């Protein structure tokens, strides 16, 4: 089970702490949505910036995001392929 979070108000004009919280959740642009793990830390982040987002509980699982995660997936895919002689 996860939490679907969508940024509905702009980050501009708000405190740096709140903007960092949104970036930590992967919400960098207006209208962007993410599925996050349902954990106490994520619930606390949501509570901090509740006035900027819309959120709901969904049955979908958390999907890792970001450049580091993409790089890990690429390296795992390359390692799984047999080396050509």
PDB file of N, CA and C in Angstrom:
ATOM      1  N   UNK A   1       0.845  -1.173   0.000  1.00  0.00           N
ATOM      2  CA  UNK A   1       0.000   0.000   0.000  1.00  0.00           C
ATOM      3  C   UNK A   1       0.889   1.235   0.000  1.00  0.00           C
ATOM      4  N   UNK A   2       0.472   2.248  -0.721  1.00  0.00           N
ATOM      5  CA  UNK A   2       1.262   3.462  -0.812  1.00  0.00           C
ATOM      6  C   UNK A   2       0.412   4.706  -0.667  1.00  0.00           C
ATOM      7  N   UNK A   3       1.078   5.820  -0.771  1.00  0.00           N
ATOM      8  CA  UNK A   3       0.418   7.117  -0.699  1.00  0.00           C
ATOM      9  C   UNK A   3       0.664   7.858  -2.007  1.00  0.00           C
ATOM     10  N   UNK A   4      -0.395   8.297  -2.661  1.00  0.00           N
ATOM     11  CA  UNK A   4      -0.277   9.058  -3.893  1.00  0.00           C
ATOM     12  C   UNK A   4      -0.286  10.534  -3.521  1.00  0.00           C
ATOM     13  N   UNK A   5       0.778  11.242  -3.888  1.00  0.00           N
ATOM     14  CA  UNK A   5       0.959  12.639  -3.510  1.00  0.00           C
ATOM     15  C   UNK A   5       1.106  13.471  -4.783  1.00  0.00           C
ATOM     16  N   UNK A   6       0.406  14.599  -4.841  1.00  0.00           N
ATOM     17  CA  UNK A   6       0.458  15.482  -6.012  1.00  0.00           C
ATOM     18  C   UNK A   6       0.669  16.915  -5.550  1.00  0.00           C
ATOM     19  N   UNK A   7       1.602  17.616  -6.187  1.00  0.00           N
ATOM     20  CA  UNK A   7       1.867  19.019  -5.880  1.00  0.00           C
ATOM     21  C   UNK A   7       0.834  19.881  -6.602  1.00  0.00           C
ATOM     22  N   UNK A   8       0.033  20.639  -5.841  1.00  0.00           N
ATOM     23  CA  UNK A   8      -1.041  21.433  -6.439  1.00  0.00           C
ATOM     24  C   UNK A   8      -0.819  22.937  -6.282  1.00  0.00           C
ATOM     25  N   UNK A   9       0.117  23.346  -5.434  1.00  0.00           N
ATOM     26  CA  UNK A   9       0.438  24.763  -5.293  1.00  0.00           C
ATOM     27  C   UNK A   9       1.934  24.946  -5.496  1.00  0.00           C
ATOM     28  N   UNK A  10       2.317  26.093  -5.999  1.00  0.00           N
ATOM     29  CA  UNK A  10       3.706  26.382  -6.306  1.00  0.00           C
ATOM     30  C   UNK A  10       4.561  26.453  -5.043  1.00  0.00           C
ATOM     31  N   UNK A  11       5.839  26.089  -5.196  1.00  0.00           N
ATOM     32  CA  UNK A  11       6.777  26.150  -4.084  1.00  0.00           C
ATOM     33  C   UNK A  11       7.283  27.566  -3.843  1.00  0.00           C
ATOM     34  N   UNK A  12       7.188  28.427  -4.832  1.00  0.00           N
ATOM     35  CA  UNK A  12       7.752  29.766  -4.687  1.00  0.00           C
ATOM     36  C   UNK A  12       7.031  30.553  -3.600  1.00  0.00           C
ATOM     37  N   UNK A  13       7.793  31.299  -2.845  1.00  0.00           N
ATOM     38  CA  UNK A  13       7.235  32.113  -1.782  1.00  0.00           C
ATOM     39  C   UNK A  13       7.081  31.375  -0.464  1.00  0.00           C
ATOM     40  N   UNK A  14       7.508  30.116  -0.404  1.00  0.00           N
ATOM     41  CA  UNK A  14       7.401  29.338   0.824  1.00  0.00           C
ATOM     42  C   UNK A  14       8.788  29.090   1.388  1.00  0.00           C
ATOM     43  N   UNK A  15       8.850  28.652   2.626  1.00  0.00           N
ATOM     44  CA  UNK A  15      10.135  28.497   3.295  1.00  0.00           C
ATOM     45  C   UNK A  15      11.002  27.444   2.616  1.00  0.00           C
ATOM     46  N   UNK A  16      12.308  27.614   2.771  1.00  0.00           N
ATOM     47  CA  UNK A  16      13.259  26.681   2.176  1.00  0.00           C
ATOM     48  C   UNK A  16      13.058  25.275   2.750  1.00  0.00           C
ATOM     49  N   UNK A  17      12.722  25.195   4.015  1.00  0.00           N
ATOM     50  CA  UNK A  17      12.492  23.892   4.652  1.00  0.00           C
ATOM     51  C   UNK A  17      11.337  23.150   3.977  1.00  0.00           C
ATOM     52  N   UNK A  18      10.278  23.862   3.638  1.00  0.00           N
ATOM     53  CA  UNK A  18       9.144  23.227   2.977  1.00  0.00           C
ATOM     54  C   UNK A  18       9.491  22.837   1.550  1.00  0.00           C
ATOM     55  N   UNK A  19      10.285  23.674   0.871  1.00  0.00           N
ATOM     56  CA  UNK A  19      10.705  23.326  -0.493  1.00  0.00           C
ATOM     57  C   UNK A  19      11.593  22.086  -0.482  1.00  0.00           C
ATOM     58  N   UNK A  20      12.478  21.976   0.507  1.00  0.00           N
ATOM     59  CA  UNK A  20      13.336  20.789   0.622  1.00  0.00           C
ATOM     60  C   UNK A  20      12.506  19.542   0.914  1.00  0.00           C
ATOM     61  N   UNK A  21      11.480  19.686   1.711  1.00  0.00           N
ATOM     62  CA  UNK A  21      10.587  18.567   2.009  1.00  0.00           C
ATOM     63  C   UNK A  21       9.913  18.082   0.728  1.00  0.00           C
ATOM     64  N   UNK A  22       9.438  19.011  -0.087  1.00  0.00           N
ATOM     65  CA  UNK A  22       8.794  18.636  -1.355  1.00  0.00           C
ATOM     66  C   UNK A  22       9.782  17.951  -2.289  1.00  0.00           C
ATOM     67  N   UNK A  23      11.006  18.473  -2.363  1.00  0.00           N
ATOM     68  CA  UNK A  23      12.025  17.846  -3.213  1.00  0.00           C
ATOM     69  C   UNK A  23      12.347  16.438  -2.714  1.00  0.00           C
ATOM     70  N   UNK A  24      12.365  16.280  -1.394  1.00  0.00           N
ATOM     71  CA  UNK A  24      12.612  14.962  -0.813  1.00  0.00           C
ATOM     72  C   UNK A  24      11.547  13.946  -1.175  1.00  0.00           C
ATOM     73  N   UNK A  25      10.340  14.414  -1.374  1.00  0.00           N
ATOM     74  CA  UNK A  25       9.249  13.536  -1.801  1.00  0.00           C
ATOM     75  C   UNK A  25       9.229  13.356  -3.314  1.00  0.00           C
ATOM     76  N   UNK A  26      10.100  14.060  -4.026  1.00  0.00           N
ATOM     77  CA  UNK A  26      10.162  13.929  -5.478  1.00  0.00           C
ATOM     78  C   UNK A  26       9.208  14.839  -6.214  1.00  0.00           C
ATOM     79  N   UNK A  27       8.663  15.834  -5.532  1.00  0.00           N
ATOM     80  CA  UNK A  27       7.719  16.769  -6.153  1.00  0.00           C
ATOM     81  C   UNK A  27       8.475  18.047  -6.510  1.00  0.00           C
ATOM     82  N   UNK A  28       8.899  18.146  -7.751  1.00  0.00           N
ATOM     83  CA  UNK A  28       9.726  19.277  -8.171  1.00  0.00           C
ATOM     84  C   UNK A  28       8.968  20.266  -9.045  1.00  0.00           C
ATOM     85  N   UNK A  29       7.862  19.842  -9.636  1.00  0.00           N
ATOM     86  CA  UNK A  29       7.090  20.734 -10.508  1.00  0.00           C
ATOM     87  C   UNK A  29       5.618  20.652 -10.158  1.00  0.00           C
ATOM     88  N   UNK A  30       4.925  21.699 -10.470  1.00  0.00           N
ATOM     89  CA  UNK A  30       3.489  21.769 -10.235  1.00  0.00           C
ATOM     90  C   UNK A  30       2.783  20.679 -11.029  1.00  0.00           C
ATOM     91  N   UNK A  31       1.897  19.941 -10.397  1.00  0.00           N
ATOM     92  CA  UNK A  31       1.149  18.882 -11.071  1.00  0.00           C
ATOM     93  C   UNK A  31       1.818  17.518 -11.046  1.00  0.00           C
ATOM     94  N   UNK A  32       3.039  17.438 -10.525  1.00  0.00           N
ATOM     95  CA  UNK A  32       3.767  16.170 -10.492  1.00  0.00           C
ATOM     96  C   UNK A  32       3.194  15.258  -9.409  1.00  0.00           C
ATOM     97  N   UNK A  33       3.108  13.959  -9.721  1.00  0.00           N
ATOM     98  CA  UNK A  33       2.570  12.977  -8.789  1.00  0.00           C
ATOM     99  C   UNK A  33       3.616  11.917  -8.494  1.00  0.00           C
ATOM    100  N   UNK A  34       3.584  11.402  -7.279  1.00  0.00           N
ATOM    101  CA  UNK A  34       4.467  10.316  -6.865  1.00  0.00           C
ATOM    102  C   UNK A  34       3.696   9.343  -5.993  1.00  0.00           C
ATOM    103  N   UNK A  35       4.095   8.090  -6.060  1.00  0.00           N
ATOM    104  CA  UNK A  35       3.585   7.079  -5.140  1.00  0.00           C
ATOM    105  C   UNK A  35       4.707   6.849  -4.128  1.00  0.00           C
ATOM    106  N   UNK A  36       4.422   7.071  -2.853  1.00  0.00           N
ATOM    107  CA  UNK A  36       5.421   6.941  -1.796  1.00  0.00           C
ATOM    108  C   UNK A  36       5.028   5.831  -0.839  1.00  0.00           C
ATOM    109  N   UNK A  37       6.027   5.316  -0.115  1.00  0.00           N
ATOM    110  CA  UNK A  37       5.766   4.303   0.899  1.00  0.00           C
ATOM    111  C   UNK A  37       4.966   4.906   2.036  1.00  0.00           C
ATOM    112  N   UNK A  38       4.091   4.118   2.588  1.00  0.00           N
ATOM    113  CA  UNK A  38       3.313   4.573   3.738  1.00  0.00           C
ATOM    114  C   UNK A  38       4.126   4.296   4.991  1.00  0.00           C
ATOM    115  N   UNK A  39       4.796   5.315   5.501  1.00  0.00           N
ATOM    116  CA  UNK A  39       5.609   5.182   6.703  1.00  0.00           C
ATOM    117  C   UNK A  39       5.426   6.431   7.562  1.00  0.00           C
ATOM    118  N   UNK A  40       5.779   6.352   8.837  1.00  0.00           N
ATOM    119  CA  UNK A  40       5.624   7.528   9.707  1.00  0.00           C
ATOM    120  C   UNK A  40       6.417   8.747   9.227  1.00  0.00           C
ATOM    121  N   UNK A  41       7.601   8.522   8.659  1.00  0.00           N
ATOM    122  CA  UNK A  41       8.400   9.650   8.189  1.00  0.00           C
ATOM    123  C   UNK A  41       7.746  10.343   6.998  1.00  0.00           C
ATOM    124  N   UNK A  42       7.179   9.571   6.079  1.00  0.00           N
ATOM    125  CA  UNK A  42       6.501  10.161   4.927  1.00  0.00           C
ATOM    126  C   UNK A  42       5.223  10.870   5.377  1.00  0.00           C
ATOM    127  N   UNK A  43       4.519  10.274   6.327  1.00  0.00           N
ATOM    128  CA  UNK A  43       3.319  10.930   6.868  1.00  0.00           C
ATOM    129  C   UNK A  43       3.676  12.274   7.503  1.00  0.00           C
ATOM    130  N   UNK A  44       4.820  12.345   8.182  1.00  0.00           N
ATOM    131  CA  UNK A  44       5.275  13.603   8.775  1.00  0.00           C
ATOM    132  C   UNK A  44       5.609  14.638   7.721  1.00  0.00           C
ATOM    133  N   UNK A  45       6.229  14.196   6.621  1.00  0.00           N
ATOM    134  CA  UNK A  45       6.537  15.113   5.522  1.00  0.00           C
ATOM    135  C   UNK A  45       5.246  15.662   4.918  1.00  0.00           C
ATOM    136  N   UNK A  46       4.266  14.781   4.745  1.00  0.00           N
ATOM    137  CA  UNK A  46       2.975  15.209   4.193  1.00  0.00           C
ATOM    138  C   UNK A  46       2.318  16.229   5.107  1.00  0.00           C
ATOM    139  N   UNK A  47       2.364  15.981   6.403  1.00  0.00           N
ATOM    140  CA  UNK A  47       1.741  16.894   7.355  1.00  0.00           C
ATOM    141  C   UNK A  47       2.407  18.273   7.316  1.00  0.00           C
ATOM    142  N   UNK A  48       3.722  18.291   7.096  1.00  0.00           N
ATOM    143  CA  UNK A  48       4.463  19.555   7.048  1.00  0.00           C
ATOM    144  C   UNK A  48       4.016  20.434   5.886  1.00  0.00           C
ATOM    145  N   UNK A  49       3.788  19.841   4.723  1.00  0.00           N
ATOM    146  CA  UNK A  49       3.467  20.620   3.514  1.00  0.00           C
ATOM    147  C   UNK A  49       2.056  20.321   3.008  1.00  0.00           C
ATOM    148  N   UNK A  50       1.167  19.976   3.912  1.00  0.00           N
ATOM    149  CA  UNK A  50      -0.190  19.573   3.553  1.00  0.00           C
ATOM    150  C   UNK A  50      -0.935  20.644   2.759  1.00  0.00           C
ATOM    151  N   UNK A  51      -0.631  21.895   3.009  1.00  0.00           N
ATOM    152  CA  UNK A  51      -1.321  22.992   2.333  1.00  0.00           C
ATOM    153  C   UNK A  51      -0.865  23.170   0.883  1.00  0.00           C
ATOM    154  N   UNK A  52       0.203  22.473   0.467  1.00  0.00           N
ATOM    155  CA  UNK A  52       0.716  22.580  -0.898  1.00  0.00           C
ATOM    156  C   UNK A  52       0.372  21.363  -1.767  1.00  0.00           C
ATOM    157  N   UNK A  53      -0.118  20.305  -1.155  1.00  0.00           N
ATOM    158  CA  UNK A  53      -0.288  19.040  -1.875  1.00  0.00           C
ATOM    159  C   UNK A  53      -1.697  18.476  -1.697  1.00  0.00           C
ATOM    160  N   UNK A  54      -1.997  17.493  -2.545  1.00  0.00           N
ATOM    161  CA  UNK A  54      -3.159  16.625  -2.377  1.00  0.00           C
ATOM    162  C   UNK A  54      -2.606  15.222  -2.237  1.00  0.00           C
ATOM    163  N   UNK A  55      -3.192  14.429  -1.360  1.00  0.00           N
ATOM    164  CA  UNK A  55      -2.703  13.063  -1.197  1.00  0.00           C
ATOM    165  C   UNK A  55      -3.851  12.117  -0.883  1.00  0.00           C
ATOM    166  N   UNK A  56      -3.628  10.853  -1.196  1.00  0.00           N
ATOM    167  CA  UNK A  56      -4.620   9.822  -0.906  1.00  0.00           C
ATOM    168  C   UNK A  56      -3.906   8.477  -0.779  1.00  0.00           C
ATOM    169  N   UNK A  57      -4.549   7.548  -0.091  1.00  0.00           N
ATOM    170  CA  UNK A  57      -4.010   6.201   0.031  1.00  0.00           C
ATOM    171  C   UNK A  57      -4.433   5.401  -1.194  1.00  0.00           C
ATOM    172  N   UNK A  58      -3.488   4.645  -1.744  1.00  0.00           N
ATOM    173  CA  UNK A  58      -3.766   3.808  -2.912  1.00  0.00           C
ATOM    174  C   UNK A  58      -3.208   2.415  -2.668  1.00  0.00           C
ATOM    175  N   UNK A  59      -3.660   1.459  -3.461  1.00  0.00           N
ATOM    176  CA  UNK A  59      -3.199   0.084  -3.318  1.00  0.00           C
ATOM    177  C   UNK A  59      -1.909  -0.172  -4.092  1.00  0.00           C
ATOM    178  N   UNK A  60      -1.488   0.793  -4.885  1.00  0.00           N
ATOM    179  CA  UNK A  60      -0.254   0.645  -5.659  1.00  0.00           C
ATOM    180  C   UNK A  60       0.957   0.640  -4.727  1.00  0.00           C
ATOM    181  N   UNK A  61       2.016  -0.038  -5.171  1.00  0.00           N
ATOM    182  CA  UNK A  61       3.249  -0.104  -4.399  1.00  0.00           C
ATOM    183  C   UNK A  61       4.144   1.079  -4.723  1.00  0.00           C
ATOM    184  N   UNK A  62       5.049   1.376  -3.803  1.00  0.00           N
ATOM    185  CA  UNK A  62       6.040   2.432  -3.975  1.00  0.00           C
ATOM    186  C   UNK A  62       6.923   2.122  -5.180  1.00  0.00           C
ATOM    187  N   UNK A  63       7.176   3.134  -6.002  1.00  0.00           N
ATOM    188  CA  UNK A  63       8.042   2.992  -7.167  1.00  0.00           C
ATOM    189  C   UNK A  63       9.251   3.905  -6.963  1.00  0.00           C
ATOM    190  N   UNK A  64      10.443   3.331  -6.791  1.00  0.00           N
ATOM    191  CA  UNK A  64      11.626   4.173  -6.601  1.00  0.00           C
ATOM    192  C   UNK A  64      11.815   5.121  -7.777  1.00  0.00           C
ATOM    193  N   UNK A  65      12.329   6.315  -7.505  1.00  0.00           N
ATOM    194  CA  UNK A  65      12.519   7.322  -8.531  1.00  0.00           C
ATOM    195  C   UNK A  65      13.854   8.019  -8.322  1.00  0.00           C
ATOM    196  N   UNK A  66      14.286   8.773  -9.306  1.00  0.00           N
ATOM    197  CA  UNK A  66      15.504   9.559  -9.186  1.00  0.00           C
ATOM    198  C   UNK A  66      16.633   9.002 -10.029  1.00  0.00           C
ATOM    199  N   UNK A  67      17.658   9.821 -10.213  1.00  0.00           N
ATOM    200  CA  UNK A  67      18.787   9.433 -11.054  1.00  0.00           C
ATOM    201  C   UNK A  67      19.570   8.263 -10.478  1.00  0.00           C
ATOM    202  N   UNK A  68      19.751   8.246  -9.174  1.00  0.00           N
ATOM    203  CA  UNK A  68      20.509   7.151  -8.564  1.00  0.00           C
ATOM    204  C   UNK A  68      19.800   5.825  -8.773  1.00  0.00           C
ATOM    205  N   UNK A  69      18.492   5.822  -8.602  1.00  0.00           N
ATOM    206  CA  UNK A  69      17.725   4.595  -8.778  1.00  0.00           C
ATOM    207  C   UNK A  69      17.776   4.132 -10.229  1.00  0.00           C
ATOM    208  N   UNK A  70      17.678   5.064 -11.173  1.00  0.00           N
ATOM    209  CA  UNK A  70      17.748   4.706 -12.588  1.00  0.00           C
ATOM    210  C   UNK A  70      19.110   4.113 -12.922  1.00  0.00           C
ATOM    211  N   UNK A  71      20.172   4.678 -12.360  1.00  0.00           N
ATOM    212  CA  UNK A  71      21.524   4.182 -12.607  1.00  0.00           C
ATOM    213  C   UNK A  71      21.682   2.766 -12.043  1.00  0.00           C
ATOM    214  N   UNK A  72      21.124   2.520 -10.857  1.00  0.00           N
ATOM    215  CA  UNK A  72      21.184   1.187 -10.263  1.00  0.00           C
ATOM    216  C   UNK A  72      20.478   0.170 -11.158  1.00  0.00           C
ATOM    217  N   UNK A  73      19.328   0.548 -11.711  1.00  0.00           N
ATOM    218  CA  UNK A  73      18.590  -0.359 -12.579  1.00  0.00           C
ATOM    219  C   UNK A  73      19.373  -0.646 -13.857  1.00  0.00           C
ATOM    220  N   UNK A  74      20.024   0.378 -14.419  1.00  0.00           N
ATOM    221  CA  UNK A  74      20.812   0.180 -15.626  1.00  0.00           C
ATOM    222  C   UNK A  74      21.992  -0.748 -15.359  1.00  0.00           C
ATOM    223  N   UNK A  75      22.684  -0.547 -14.244  1.00  0.00           N
ATOM    224  CA  UNK A  75      23.821  -1.399 -13.912  1.00  0.00           C
ATOM    225  C   UNK A  75      23.387  -2.844 -13.660  1.00  0.00           C
ATOM    226  N   UNK A  76      22.243  -3.019 -13.018  1.00  0.00           N
ATOM    227  CA  UNK A  76      21.733  -4.362 -12.774  1.00  0.00           C
ATOM    228  C   UNK A  76      21.377  -5.050 -14.081  1.00  0.00           C
ATOM    229  N   UNK A  77      20.809  -4.307 -15.031  1.00  0.00           N
ATOM    230  CA  UNK A  77      20.442  -4.866 -16.334  1.00  0.00           C
ATOM    231  C   UNK A  77      21.690  -5.254 -17.124  1.00  0.00           C
ATOM    232  N   UNK A  78      22.734  -4.441 -17.038  1.00  0.00           N
ATOM    233  CA  UNK A  78      23.983  -4.754 -17.740  1.00  0.00           C
ATOM    234  C   UNK A  78      24.661  -5.986 -17.132  1.00  0.00           C
ATOM    235  N   UNK A  79      24.605  -6.111 -15.819  1.00  0.00           N
ATOM    236  CA  UNK A  79      25.217  -7.252 -15.152  1.00  0.00           C
ATOM    237  C   UNK A  79      24.473  -8.550 -15.466  1.00  0.00           C
ATOM    238  N   UNK A  80      23.180  -8.451 -15.697  1.00  0.00           N
ATOM    239  CA  UNK A  80      22.368  -9.625 -15.985  1.00  0.00           C
ATOM    240  C   UNK A  80      22.594 -10.153 -17.412  1.00  0.00           C
ATOM    241  N   UNK A  81      23.018  -9.277 -18.311  1.00  0.00           N
ATOM    242  CA  UNK A  81      23.274  -9.705 -19.689  1.00  0.00           C
ATOM    243  C   UNK A  81      24.585 -10.494 -19.745  1.00  0.00           C
ATOM    244  N   UNK A  82      24.613 -11.573 -20.527  1.00  0.00           N
ATOM    245  CA  UNK A  82      25.868 -12.320 -20.679  1.00  0.00           C
ATOM    246  C   UNK A  82      26.854 -11.498 -21.515  1.00  0.00           C
ATOM    247  N   UNK A  83      28.108 -11.546 -21.129  1.00  0.00           N
ATOM    248  CA  UNK A  83      29.161 -10.792 -21.842  1.00  0.00           C
ATOM    249  C   UNK A  83      29.443 -11.460 -23.185  1.00  0.00           C
ATOM    250  N   UNK A  84      29.622 -10.641 -24.229  1.00  0.00           N
ATOM    251  CA  UNK A  84      29.939 -11.163 -25.560  1.00  0.00           C
ATOM    252  C   UNK A  84      31.443 -11.421 -25.643  1.00  0.00           C
ATOM    253  N   UNK A  85      31.793 -12.520 -26.315  1.00  0.00           N
ATOM    254  CA  UNK A  85      33.207 -12.880 -26.435  1.00  0.00           C
ATOM    255  C   UNK A  85      33.843 -12.254 -27.627  1.00  0.00           C
TER     256      UNK A  85
END
